[in-house]
Amino acid sequence: MRKGGILNRHLAGAIAELGHGHGVLVCDAGMPIPEGPRVVDLAFRAGVPSFAEILEGLLAELVVEGATAACEVREANPAAAGLLDGHFPGLVLVPHEELKRLSAGARLVVRTGEARPYANVLLRCGVFF
């Protein structure tokens, strides 16, 4: 068993398979899951695990070169907006319907137990060199 880092074997394996430019959708429990991408559903119950916990864990494992979120997050979920702004100064905001369309091209979907609206972000993987 791993001593630290991500212990969920499905998530750890999916992260190991990601490459430059691949998309990772980190989403709340209410976001529609697109057909096609690999899905790691971590939702246990409402709010567990939180969007913030999962995002922090993923960012410790991934190189991210860009992020996209729904513009509705600013008004509907200021806490998530602040978290995203803190991590991604160049955050791209699009209408929620556009984010759902873009998420179909993701390589991996990580579903959290977050129960607040618009706690979703599409990450674009970078490279470590």
Protein backbone atom coordinates (compact mmCIF):
# COMPACT_ATOMS: atom_id res chain seq x y z
CA MET A 1 0.00 0.00 0.00
CA ARG A 2 1.22 3.50 -0.79
CA LYS A 3 2.34 5.54 2.15
CA GLY A 4 1.23 8.89 0.77
CA GLY A 5 -0.24 10.60 -2.23
CA ILE A 6 -3.40 9.30 -3.87
CA LEU A 7 -4.44 5.96 -2.41
CA ASN A 8 -7.43 5.27 -4.67
CA ARG A 9 -6.01 2.78 -7.16
CA HIS A 10 -8.40 3.78 -9.94
CA LEU A 11 -7.48 7.45 -9.67
CA ALA A 12 -3.76 6.79 -9.29
CA GLY A 13 -3.79 4.57 -12.38
CA ALA A 14 -5.80 7.06 -14.43
CA ILE A 15 -3.43 9.90 -13.53
CA ALA A 16 -0.43 7.77 -14.55
CA GLU A 17 -1.96 7.37 -18.02
CA LEU A 18 -2.46 11.10 -18.66
CA GLY A 19 -0.31 12.98 -21.13
CA HIS A 20 0.26 16.50 -22.35
CA GLY A 21 -2.95 18.20 -23.39
CA HIS A 22 -5.29 15.63 -21.90
CA GLY A 23 -8.32 17.01 -20.09
CA VAL A 24 -9.41 16.18 -16.55
CA LEU A 25 -12.87 17.22 -15.43
CA VAL A 26 -13.17 17.61 -11.66
CA CYS A 27 -16.87 17.93 -10.96
CA ASP A 28 -19.53 18.19 -8.31
CA ALA A 29 -22.09 15.46 -7.71
CA GLY A 30 -24.64 17.18 -9.97
CA MET A 31 -22.56 17.62 -13.12
CA PRO A 32 -23.73 15.37 -15.96
CA ILE A 33 -21.04 12.77 -16.67
CA PRO A 34 -20.22 12.64 -20.39
CA GLU A 35 -20.05 9.36 -22.28
CA GLY A 36 -16.56 8.31 -23.24
CA PRO A 37 -14.03 9.55 -20.65
CA ARG A 38 -12.75 7.29 -17.91
CA VAL A 39 -14.72 8.08 -14.73
CA VAL A 40 -13.44 7.82 -11.17
CA ASP A 41 -16.43 8.47 -8.93
CA LEU A 42 -15.24 9.41 -5.45
CA ALA A 43 -18.61 10.69 -4.20
CA PHE A 44 -19.47 9.10 -0.87
CA ARG A 45 -22.27 11.34 0.36
CA ALA A 46 -23.32 14.97 -0.05
CA GLY A 47 -20.21 17.08 0.51
CA VAL A 48 -17.82 14.15 0.97
CA PRO A 49 -15.23 14.40 -0.44
CA SER A 50 -15.35 18.08 -1.17
CA PHE A 51 -14.39 19.71 -4.45
CA ALA A 52 -11.58 21.56 -2.65
CA GLU A 53 -10.10 18.37 -1.16
CA ILE A 54 -10.06 16.55 -4.47
CA LEU A 55 -8.72 19.55 -6.40
CA GLU A 56 -5.88 20.02 -3.87
CA GLY A 57 -4.98 16.33 -4.10
CA LEU A 58 -4.99 16.32 -7.88
CA LEU A 59 -2.89 19.47 -8.12
CA ALA A 60 -0.26 17.78 -5.95
CA GLU A 61 -0.02 15.04 -8.61
CA LEU A 62 -0.60 16.86 -11.92
CA VAL A 63 1.09 19.55 -13.97
CA VAL A 64 -1.72 21.81 -15.16
CA GLU A 65 -1.20 24.29 -17.99
CA GLY A 66 -4.75 25.63 -18.14
CA ALA A 67 -8.18 25.47 -16.56
CA THR A 68 -11.74 26.22 -17.66
CA ALA A 69 -14.81 26.69 -15.46
CA ALA A 70 -18.38 27.92 -15.82
CA CYS A 71 -18.82 31.68 -15.59
CA GLU A 72 -21.86 31.04 -13.37
CA VAL A 73 -19.50 29.97 -10.56
CA ARG A 74 -18.72 33.63 -9.75
CA GLU A 75 -22.28 34.39 -8.63
CA ALA A 76 -23.61 30.97 -7.61
CA ASN A 77 -20.59 29.63 -5.70
CA PRO A 78 -18.14 32.34 -4.55
CA ALA A 79 -16.15 29.83 -2.45
CA ALA A 80 -15.41 27.64 -5.47
CA ALA A 81 -14.69 30.74 -7.57
CA GLY A 82 -12.14 31.92 -5.00
CA LEU A 83 -10.51 28.50 -4.90
CA LEU A 84 -10.22 28.39 -8.68
CA ASP A 85 -8.93 31.96 -8.92
CA GLY A 86 -6.29 31.16 -6.30
CA HIS A 87 -4.97 28.19 -8.24
CA PHE A 88 -5.47 29.36 -11.82
CA PRO A 89 -4.71 33.03 -12.48
CA GLY A 90 -5.47 32.51 -16.18
CA LEU A 91 -8.76 30.70 -15.55
CA VAL A 92 -10.98 30.68 -18.65
CA LEU A 93 -14.68 31.15 -17.96
CA VAL A 94 -17.36 29.87 -20.32
CA PRO A 95 -21.12 29.36 -19.98
CA HIS A 96 -22.01 26.19 -18.08
CA GLU A 97 -23.54 24.61 -21.18
CA GLU A 98 -20.22 25.14 -23.00
CA LEU A 99 -18.30 23.56 -20.10
CA LYS A 100 -20.56 20.51 -20.35
CA ARG A 101 -19.87 20.34 -24.10
CA LEU A 102 -16.11 20.68 -23.57
CA SER A 103 -16.10 18.03 -20.85
CA ALA A 104 -17.02 15.39 -23.44
CA GLY A 105 -13.43 15.70 -24.72
CA ALA A 106 -11.90 15.03 -21.30
CA ARG A 107 -9.74 11.96 -20.86
CA LEU A 108 -10.69 11.58 -17.18
CA VAL A 109 -13.65 12.64 -15.05
CA VAL A 110 -13.23 12.79 -11.27
CA ARG A 111 -16.59 13.12 -9.53
CA THR A 112 -16.56 14.54 -6.02
CA GLY A 113 -19.32 14.53 -3.42
CA GLU A 114 -19.57 18.32 -3.61
CA ALA A 115 -23.17 19.46 -3.26
CA ARG A 116 -22.73 23.17 -4.06
CA PRO A 117 -23.48 24.30 -7.64
CA TYR A 118 -20.85 24.95 -10.31
CA ALA A 119 -17.97 23.33 -8.39
CA ASN A 120 -16.52 22.06 -11.66
CA VAL A 121 -13.28 22.66 -13.51
CA LEU A 122 -11.77 21.24 -16.67
CA LEU A 123 -7.99 20.97 -16.30
CA ARG A 124 -5.57 20.72 -19.22
CA CYS A 125 -2.49 18.65 -18.38
CA GLY A 126 0.95 20.03 -18.96
CA VAL A 127 4.39 18.45 -18.80
CA PHE A 128 6.92 18.58 -15.97
CA PHE A 129 9.90 19.56 -18.15
